[in-house]
Amino acid sequence: MVCMVEVTVTRKGQITIPARLRKKYGIIEGSKVEVVEEDGRIVIKRLTSIFDLAGSSAGKGDVEELKRLLDRMREEDA
C-alpha cells in the first residue's frame, strides 16, 4: 500500500515526518534516516542501527557451535 502525505519544506529545507509514519517505522528523536534519489524521486529510508538488532536472534543459536566457530576463526587468525 502506498501512503502519500503532503508536508511543507521550511526555509532551511527541513520537513516533518508525520507522527503516524514515525510511529509505524520506529523513528524517534536521534534516529538516522537516509535520503536517496531513486528514479527521479526523493525517498527517505530509516537506517537500522546495531542497537535495533540487539536480541533479534536470541535463542536461535547453539552456544557450543558458536564457541567452535570462534575457535576456528581464532586459529585462522593465528
PDB file of N, CA and C in Angstrom:
ATOM      1  N   MET A   1       0.838  -1.178   0.000  1.00  0.00           N
ATOM      2  CA  MET A   1       0.000   0.000   0.000  1.00  0.00           C
ATOM      3  C   MET A   1       0.886   1.244   0.000  1.00  0.00           C
ATOM      4  N   VAL A   2       0.589   2.178  -0.847  1.00  0.00           N
ATOM      5  CA  VAL A   2       1.338   3.425  -0.928  1.00  0.00           C
ATOM      6  C   VAL A   2       0.644   4.456  -0.058  1.00  0.00           C
ATOM      7  N   CYS A   3       1.422   5.085   0.789  1.00  0.00           N
ATOM      8  CA  CYS A   3       0.893   6.131   1.660  1.00  0.00           C
ATOM      9  C   CYS A   3       1.501   7.453   1.200  1.00  0.00           C
ATOM     10  N   MET A   4       0.669   8.402   0.866  1.00  0.00           N
ATOM     11  CA  MET A   4       1.184   9.683   0.415  1.00  0.00           C
ATOM     12  C   MET A   4       0.667  10.767   1.361  1.00  0.00           C
ATOM     13  N   VAL A   5       1.597  11.548   1.879  1.00  0.00           N
ATOM     14  CA  VAL A   5       1.267  12.625   2.797  1.00  0.00           C
ATOM     15  C   VAL A   5       1.971  13.882   2.313  1.00  0.00           C
ATOM     16  N   GLU A   6       1.260  14.976   2.294  1.00  0.00           N
ATOM     17  CA  GLU A   6       1.861  16.246   1.884  1.00  0.00           C
ATOM     18  C   GLU A   6       2.490  16.919   3.098  1.00  0.00           C
ATOM     19  N   VAL A   7       3.743  17.332   2.955  1.00  0.00           N
ATOM     20  CA  VAL A   7       4.434  18.076   4.005  1.00  0.00           C
ATOM     21  C   VAL A   7       4.989  19.348   3.377  1.00  0.00           C
ATOM     22  N   THR A   8       5.324  20.318   4.236  1.00  0.00           N
ATOM     23  CA  THR A   8       5.845  21.595   3.761  1.00  0.00           C
ATOM     24  C   THR A   8       7.326  21.689   4.084  1.00  0.00           C
ATOM     25  N   VAL A   9       8.094  22.156   3.127  1.00  0.00           N
ATOM     26  CA  VAL A   9       9.526  22.350   3.314  1.00  0.00           C
ATOM     27  C   VAL A   9       9.738  23.731   3.925  1.00  0.00           C
ATOM     28  N   THR A  10      10.542  23.794   5.003  1.00  0.00           N
ATOM     29  CA  THR A  10      10.819  25.070   5.648  1.00  0.00           C
ATOM     30  C   THR A  10      11.879  25.842   4.879  1.00  0.00           C
ATOM     31  N   ARG A  11      12.107  27.057   5.279  1.00  0.00           N
ATOM     32  CA  ARG A  11      13.134  27.896   4.671  1.00  0.00           C
ATOM     33  C   ARG A  11      14.502  27.234   4.731  1.00  0.00           C
ATOM     34  N   LYS A  12      14.751  26.425   5.763  1.00  0.00           N
ATOM     35  CA  LYS A  12      16.030  25.736   5.926  1.00  0.00           C
ATOM     36  C   LYS A  12      16.063  24.389   5.193  1.00  0.00           C
ATOM     37  N   GLY A  13      15.012  24.076   4.451  1.00  0.00           N
ATOM     38  CA  GLY A  13      14.984  22.808   3.716  1.00  0.00           C
ATOM     39  C   GLY A  13      14.560  21.628   4.561  1.00  0.00           C
ATOM     40  N   GLN A  14      13.960  21.874   5.708  1.00  0.00           N
ATOM     41  CA  GLN A  14      13.562  20.790   6.602  1.00  0.00           C
ATOM     42  C   GLN A  14      12.106  20.411   6.375  1.00  0.00           C
ATOM     43  N   ILE A  15      11.799  19.138   6.647  1.00  0.00           N
ATOM     44  CA  ILE A  15      10.416  18.663   6.621  1.00  0.00           C
ATOM     45  C   ILE A  15      10.146  17.918   7.918  1.00  0.00           C
ATOM     46  N   THR A  16       8.874  17.734   8.239  1.00  0.00           N
ATOM     47  CA  THR A  16       8.487  16.939   9.400  1.00  0.00           C
ATOM     48  C   THR A  16       7.869  15.648   8.901  1.00  0.00           C
ATOM     49  N   ILE A  17       8.385  14.536   9.371  1.00  0.00           N
ATOM     50  CA  ILE A  17       7.806  13.237   9.035  1.00  0.00           C
ATOM     51  C   ILE A  17       6.552  13.090   9.894  1.00  0.00           C
ATOM     52  N   PRO A  18       5.409  12.841   9.301  1.00  0.00           N
ATOM     53  CA  PRO A  18       4.165  12.738  10.070  1.00  0.00           C
ATOM     54  C   PRO A  18       4.266  11.712  11.202  1.00  0.00           C
ATOM     55  N   ALA A  19       3.607  12.028  12.320  1.00  0.00           N
ATOM     56  CA  ALA A  19       3.689  11.204  13.529  1.00  0.00           C
ATOM     57  C   ALA A  19       3.315   9.751  13.275  1.00  0.00           C
ATOM     58  N   ARG A  20       2.266   9.498  12.479  1.00  0.00           N
ATOM     59  CA  ARG A  20       1.854   8.099  12.274  1.00  0.00           C
ATOM     60  C   ARG A  20       2.907   7.307  11.516  1.00  0.00           C
ATOM     61  N   LEU A  21       3.658   7.966  10.623  1.00  0.00           N
ATOM     62  CA  LEU A  21       4.733   7.271   9.917  1.00  0.00           C
ATOM     63  C   LEU A  21       5.950   7.080  10.823  1.00  0.00           C
ATOM     64  N   ARG A  22       6.248   8.073  11.664  1.00  0.00           N
ATOM     65  CA  ARG A  22       7.356   7.905  12.622  1.00  0.00           C
ATOM     66  C   ARG A  22       7.069   6.736  13.545  1.00  0.00           C
ATOM     67  N   LYS A  23       5.828   6.650  14.014  1.00  0.00           N
ATOM     68  CA  LYS A  23       5.453   5.559  14.913  1.00  0.00           C
ATOM     69  C   LYS A  23       5.522   4.218  14.187  1.00  0.00           C
ATOM     70  N   LYS A  24       4.973   4.158  12.973  1.00  0.00           N
ATOM     71  CA  LYS A  24       4.942   2.915  12.199  1.00  0.00           C
ATOM     72  C   LYS A  24       6.337   2.375  11.946  1.00  0.00           C
ATOM     73  N   TYR A  25       7.309   3.274  11.678  1.00  0.00           N
ATOM     74  CA  TYR A  25       8.661   2.844  11.334  1.00  0.00           C
ATOM     75  C   TYR A  25       9.656   2.992  12.473  1.00  0.00           C
ATOM     76  N   GLY A  26       9.180   3.300  13.662  1.00  0.00           N
ATOM     77  CA  GLY A  26      10.052   3.370  14.830  1.00  0.00           C
ATOM     78  C   GLY A  26      11.078   4.485  14.754  1.00  0.00           C
ATOM     79  N   ILE A  27      10.704   5.590  14.146  1.00  0.00           N
ATOM     80  CA  ILE A  27      11.619   6.724  14.037  1.00  0.00           C
ATOM     81  C   ILE A  27      11.387   7.632  15.238  1.00  0.00           C
ATOM     82  N   ILE A  28      12.397   7.709  16.079  1.00  0.00           N
ATOM     83  CA  ILE A  28      12.317   8.547  17.283  1.00  0.00           C
ATOM     84  C   ILE A  28      13.425   9.588  17.225  1.00  0.00           C
ATOM     85  N   GLU A  29      13.398  10.502  18.178  1.00  0.00           N
ATOM     86  CA  GLU A  29      14.444  11.521  18.229  1.00  0.00           C
ATOM     87  C   GLU A  29      15.812  10.849  18.257  1.00  0.00           C
ATOM     88  N   GLY A  30      16.698  11.287  17.387  1.00  0.00           N
ATOM     89  CA  GLY A  30      18.031  10.711  17.305  1.00  0.00           C
ATOM     90  C   GLY A  30      18.155   9.597  16.277  1.00  0.00           C
ATOM     91  N   SER A  31      17.025   9.101  15.757  1.00  0.00           N
ATOM     92  CA  SER A  31      17.078   8.067  14.715  1.00  0.00           C
ATOM     93  C   SER A  31      17.771   8.623  13.478  1.00  0.00           C
ATOM     94  N   LYS A  32      18.399   7.742  12.734  1.00  0.00           N
ATOM     95  CA  LYS A  32      19.055   8.128  11.488  1.00  0.00           C
ATOM     96  C   LYS A  32      18.196   7.675  10.315  1.00  0.00           C
ATOM     97  N   VAL A  33      18.059   8.549   9.340  1.00  0.00           N
ATOM     98  CA  VAL A  33      17.377   8.206   8.102  1.00  0.00           C
ATOM     99  C   VAL A  33      18.307   8.522   6.950  1.00  0.00           C
ATOM    100  N   GLU A  34      18.047   7.883   5.827  1.00  0.00           N
ATOM    101  CA  GLU A  34      18.851   8.071   4.633  1.00  0.00           C
ATOM    102  C   GLU A  34      17.950   8.710   3.578  1.00  0.00           C
ATOM    103  N   VAL A  35      18.454   9.733   2.908  1.00  0.00           N
ATOM    104  CA  VAL A  35      17.711  10.379   1.831  1.00  0.00           C
ATOM    105  C   VAL A  35      18.355   9.950   0.524  1.00  0.00           C
ATOM    106  N   VAL A  36      17.564   9.294  -0.336  1.00  0.00           N
ATOM    107  CA  VAL A  36      18.071   8.699  -1.562  1.00  0.00           C
ATOM    108  C   VAL A  36      17.255   9.215  -2.748  1.00  0.00           C
ATOM    109  N   GLU A  37      17.946   9.462  -3.846  1.00  0.00           N
ATOM    110  CA  GLU A  37      17.248   9.799  -5.081  1.00  0.00           C
ATOM    111  C   GLU A  37      17.106   8.521  -5.889  1.00  0.00           C
ATOM    112  N   GLU A  38      15.872   8.139  -6.204  1.00  0.00           N
ATOM    113  CA  GLU A  38      15.590   6.915  -6.962  1.00  0.00           C
ATOM    114  C   GLU A  38      14.602   7.234  -8.076  1.00  0.00           C
ATOM    115  N   ASP A  39      15.014   7.029  -9.294  1.00  0.00           N
ATOM    116  CA  ASP A  39      14.118   7.201 -10.438  1.00  0.00           C
ATOM    117  C   ASP A  39      13.412   8.556 -10.429  1.00  0.00           C
ATOM    118  N   GLY A  40      14.149   9.615 -10.148  1.00  0.00           N
ATOM    119  CA  GLY A  40      13.577  10.951 -10.157  1.00  0.00           C
ATOM    120  C   GLY A  40      12.724  11.286  -8.942  1.00  0.00           C
ATOM    121  N   ARG A  41      12.810  10.457  -7.905  1.00  0.00           N
ATOM    122  CA  ARG A  41      12.056  10.694  -6.670  1.00  0.00           C
ATOM    123  C   ARG A  41      13.021  10.805  -5.506  1.00  0.00           C
ATOM    124  N   ILE A  42      12.591  11.465  -4.458  1.00  0.00           N
ATOM    125  CA  ILE A  42      13.355  11.512  -3.211  1.00  0.00           C
ATOM    126  C   ILE A  42      12.696  10.532  -2.252  1.00  0.00           C
ATOM    127  N   VAL A  43      13.484   9.586  -1.738  1.00  0.00           N
ATOM    128  CA  VAL A  43      12.972   8.548  -0.841  1.00  0.00           C
ATOM    129  C   VAL A  43      13.694   8.667   0.494  1.00  0.00           C
ATOM    130  N   ILE A  44      12.933   8.626   1.575  1.00  0.00           N
ATOM    131  CA  ILE A  44      13.510   8.660   2.923  1.00  0.00           C
ATOM    132  C   ILE A  44      13.421   7.249   3.487  1.00  0.00           C
ATOM    133  N   LYS A  45      14.581   6.697   3.887  1.00  0.00           N
ATOM    134  CA  LYS A  45      14.632   5.334   4.417  1.00  0.00           C
ATOM    135  C   LYS A  45      15.191   5.361   5.832  1.00  0.00           C
ATOM    136  N   ARG A  46      14.539   4.641   6.724  1.00  0.00           N
ATOM    137  CA  ARG A  46      15.035   4.520   8.095  1.00  0.00           C
ATOM    138  C   ARG A  46      16.267   3.637   8.086  1.00  0.00           C
ATOM    139  N   LEU A  47      17.325   4.079   8.751  1.00  0.00           N
ATOM    140  CA  LEU A  47      18.531   3.265   8.881  1.00  0.00           C
ATOM    141  C   LEU A  47      18.417   2.421  10.139  1.00  0.00           C
ATOM    142  N   THR A  48      18.843   1.182  10.040  1.00  0.00           N
ATOM    143  CA  THR A  48      18.833   0.280  11.187  1.00  0.00           C
ATOM    144  C   THR A  48      20.179   0.361  11.880  1.00  0.00           C
ATOM    145  N   SER A  49      20.145   0.602  13.180  1.00  0.00           N
ATOM    146  CA  SER A  49      21.397   0.639  13.936  1.00  0.00           C
ATOM    147  C   SER A  49      21.646  -0.730  14.554  1.00  0.00           C
ATOM    148  N   ILE A  50      22.843  -0.933  15.012  1.00  0.00           N
ATOM    149  CA  ILE A  50      23.176  -2.213  15.656  1.00  0.00           C
ATOM    150  C   ILE A  50      22.349  -2.408  16.916  1.00  0.00           C
ATOM    151  N   PHE A  51      21.940  -1.303  17.546  1.00  0.00           N
ATOM    152  CA  PHE A  51      21.128  -1.402  18.756  1.00  0.00           C
ATOM    153  C   PHE A  51      19.721  -1.907  18.441  1.00  0.00           C
ATOM    154  N   ASP A  52      19.227  -1.622  17.229  1.00  0.00           N
ATOM    155  CA  ASP A  52      17.919  -2.138  16.817  1.00  0.00           C
ATOM    156  C   ASP A  52      17.954  -3.651  16.674  1.00  0.00           C
ATOM    157  N   LEU A  53      19.116  -4.193  16.369  1.00  0.00           N
ATOM    158  CA  LEU A  53      19.257  -5.629  16.138  1.00  0.00           C
ATOM    159  C   LEU A  53      19.532  -6.420  17.406  1.00  0.00           C
ATOM    160  N   ALA A  54      19.847  -5.729  18.494  1.00  0.00           N
ATOM    161  CA  ALA A  54      20.200  -6.406  19.739  1.00  0.00           C
ATOM    162  C   ALA A  54      19.082  -7.346  20.177  1.00  0.00           C
ATOM    163  N   GLY A  55      19.419  -8.596  20.372  1.00  0.00           N
ATOM    164  CA  GLY A  55      18.464  -9.588  20.836  1.00  0.00           C
ATOM    165  C   GLY A  55      17.591 -10.172  19.744  1.00  0.00           C
ATOM    166  N   SER A  56      17.765  -9.735  18.509  1.00  0.00           N
ATOM    167  CA  SER A  56      16.885 -10.213  17.437  1.00  0.00           C
ATOM    168  C   SER A  56      17.080 -11.691  17.126  1.00  0.00           C
ATOM    169  N   SER A  57      18.210 -12.258  17.512  1.00  0.00           N
ATOM    170  CA  SER A  57      18.450 -13.683  17.261  1.00  0.00           C
ATOM    171  C   SER A  57      18.525 -14.478  18.551  1.00  0.00           C
ATOM    172  N   ALA A  58      17.999 -13.908  19.614  1.00  0.00           N
ATOM    173  CA  ALA A  58      18.056 -14.579  20.906  1.00  0.00           C
ATOM    174  C   ALA A  58      17.385 -15.951  20.826  1.00  0.00           C
ATOM    175  N   GLY A  59      18.069 -16.945  21.345  1.00  0.00           N
ATOM    176  CA  GLY A  59      17.536 -18.297  21.388  1.00  0.00           C
ATOM    177  C   GLY A  59      17.659 -19.067  20.084  1.00  0.00           C
ATOM    178  N   LYS A  60      18.252 -18.472  19.067  1.00  0.00           N
ATOM    179  CA  LYS A  60      18.348 -19.133  17.770  1.00  0.00           C
ATOM    180  C   LYS A  60      19.692 -19.818  17.550  1.00  0.00           C
ATOM    181  N   GLY A  61      20.638 -19.557  18.434  1.00  0.00           N
ATOM    182  CA  GLY A  61      21.968 -20.117  18.242  1.00  0.00           C
ATOM    183  C   GLY A  61      22.296 -21.186  19.266  1.00  0.00           C
ATOM    184  N   ASP A  62      23.206 -22.072  18.894  1.00  0.00           N
ATOM    185  CA  ASP A  62      23.698 -23.103  19.791  1.00  0.00           C
ATOM    186  C   ASP A  62      25.019 -22.593  20.357  1.00  0.00           C
ATOM    187  N   VAL A  63      25.091 -22.410  21.660  1.00  0.00           N
ATOM    188  CA  VAL A  63      26.267 -21.823  22.305  1.00  0.00           C
ATOM    189  C   VAL A  63      27.524 -22.619  21.984  1.00  0.00           C
ATOM    190  N   GLU A  64      27.436 -23.926  22.043  1.00  0.00           N
ATOM    191  CA  GLU A  64      28.615 -24.755  21.781  1.00  0.00           C
ATOM    192  C   GLU A  64      29.081 -24.604  20.334  1.00  0.00           C
ATOM    193  N   GLU A  65      28.149 -24.539  19.396  1.00  0.00           N
ATOM    194  CA  GLU A  65      28.515 -24.349  17.992  1.00  0.00           C
ATOM    195  C   GLU A  65      29.172 -22.984  17.794  1.00  0.00           C
ATOM    196  N   LEU A  66      28.660 -21.966  18.462  1.00  0.00           N
ATOM    197  CA  LEU A  66      29.263 -20.635  18.361  1.00  0.00           C
ATOM    198  C   LEU A  66      30.686 -20.627  18.922  1.00  0.00           C
ATOM    199  N   LYS A  67      30.899 -21.344  20.022  1.00  0.00           N
ATOM    200  CA  LYS A  67      32.245 -21.443  20.592  1.00  0.00           C
ATOM    201  C   LYS A  67      33.207 -22.118  19.612  1.00  0.00           C
ATOM    202  N   ARG A  68      32.743 -23.213  18.978  1.00  0.00           N
ATOM    203  CA  ARG A  68      33.581 -23.911  17.994  1.00  0.00           C
ATOM    204  C   ARG A  68      33.906 -22.978  16.813  1.00  0.00           C
ATOM    205  N   LEU A  69      32.923 -22.236  16.357  1.00  0.00           N
ATOM    206  CA  LEU A  69      33.134 -21.297  15.265  1.00  0.00           C
ATOM    207  C   LEU A  69      34.159 -20.225  15.645  1.00  0.00           C
ATOM    208  N   LEU A  70      34.057 -19.695  16.847  1.00  0.00           N
ATOM    209  CA  LEU A  70      35.032 -18.709  17.319  1.00  0.00           C
ATOM    210  C   LEU A  70      36.428 -19.304  17.402  1.00  0.00           C
ATOM    211  N   ASP A  71      36.522 -20.533  17.913  1.00  0.00           N
ATOM    212  CA  ASP A  71      37.826 -21.199  17.997  1.00  0.00           C
ATOM    213  C   ASP A  71      38.450 -21.355  16.613  1.00  0.00           C
ATOM    214  N   ARG A  72      37.629 -21.769  15.620  1.00  0.00           N
ATOM    215  CA  ARG A  72      38.140 -21.903  14.244  1.00  0.00           C
ATOM    216  C   ARG A  72      38.609 -20.555  13.688  1.00  0.00           C
ATOM    217  N   MET A  73      37.858 -19.521  13.961  1.00  0.00           N
ATOM    218  CA  MET A  73      38.251 -18.192  13.463  1.00  0.00           C
ATOM    219  C   MET A  73      39.547 -17.722  14.116  1.00  0.00           C
ATOM    220  N   ARG A  74      39.699 -18.024  15.394  1.00  0.00           N
ATOM    221  CA  ARG A  74      40.929 -17.642  16.100  1.00  0.00           C
ATOM    222  C   ARG A  74      42.120 -18.398  15.526  1.00  0.00           C
ATOM    223  N   GLU A  75      41.935 -19.688  15.208  1.00  0.00           N
ATOM    224  CA  GLU A  75      43.018 -20.486  14.617  1.00  0.00           C
ATOM    225  C   GLU A  75      43.429 -19.931  13.258  1.00  0.00           C
ATOM    226  N   GLU A  76      42.443 -19.502  12.475  1.00  0.00           N
ATOM    227  CA  GLU A  76      42.737 -18.948  11.155  1.00  0.00           C
ATOM    228  C   GLU A  76      43.528 -17.638  11.279  1.00  0.00           C
ATOM    229  N   ASP A  77      43.268 -16.866  12.308  1.00  0.00           N
ATOM    230  CA  ASP A  77      43.949 -15.586  12.517  1.00  0.00           C
ATOM    231  C   ASP A  77      45.371 -15.761  13.039  1.00  0.00           C
ATOM    232  N   ALA A  78      45.637 -16.916  13.669  1.00  0.00           N
ATOM    233  CA  ALA A  78      46.953 -17.144  14.298  1.00  0.00           C
ATOM    234  C   ALA A  78      48.041 -17.383  13.280  1.00  0.00           C
TER     235      ALA A  78
END
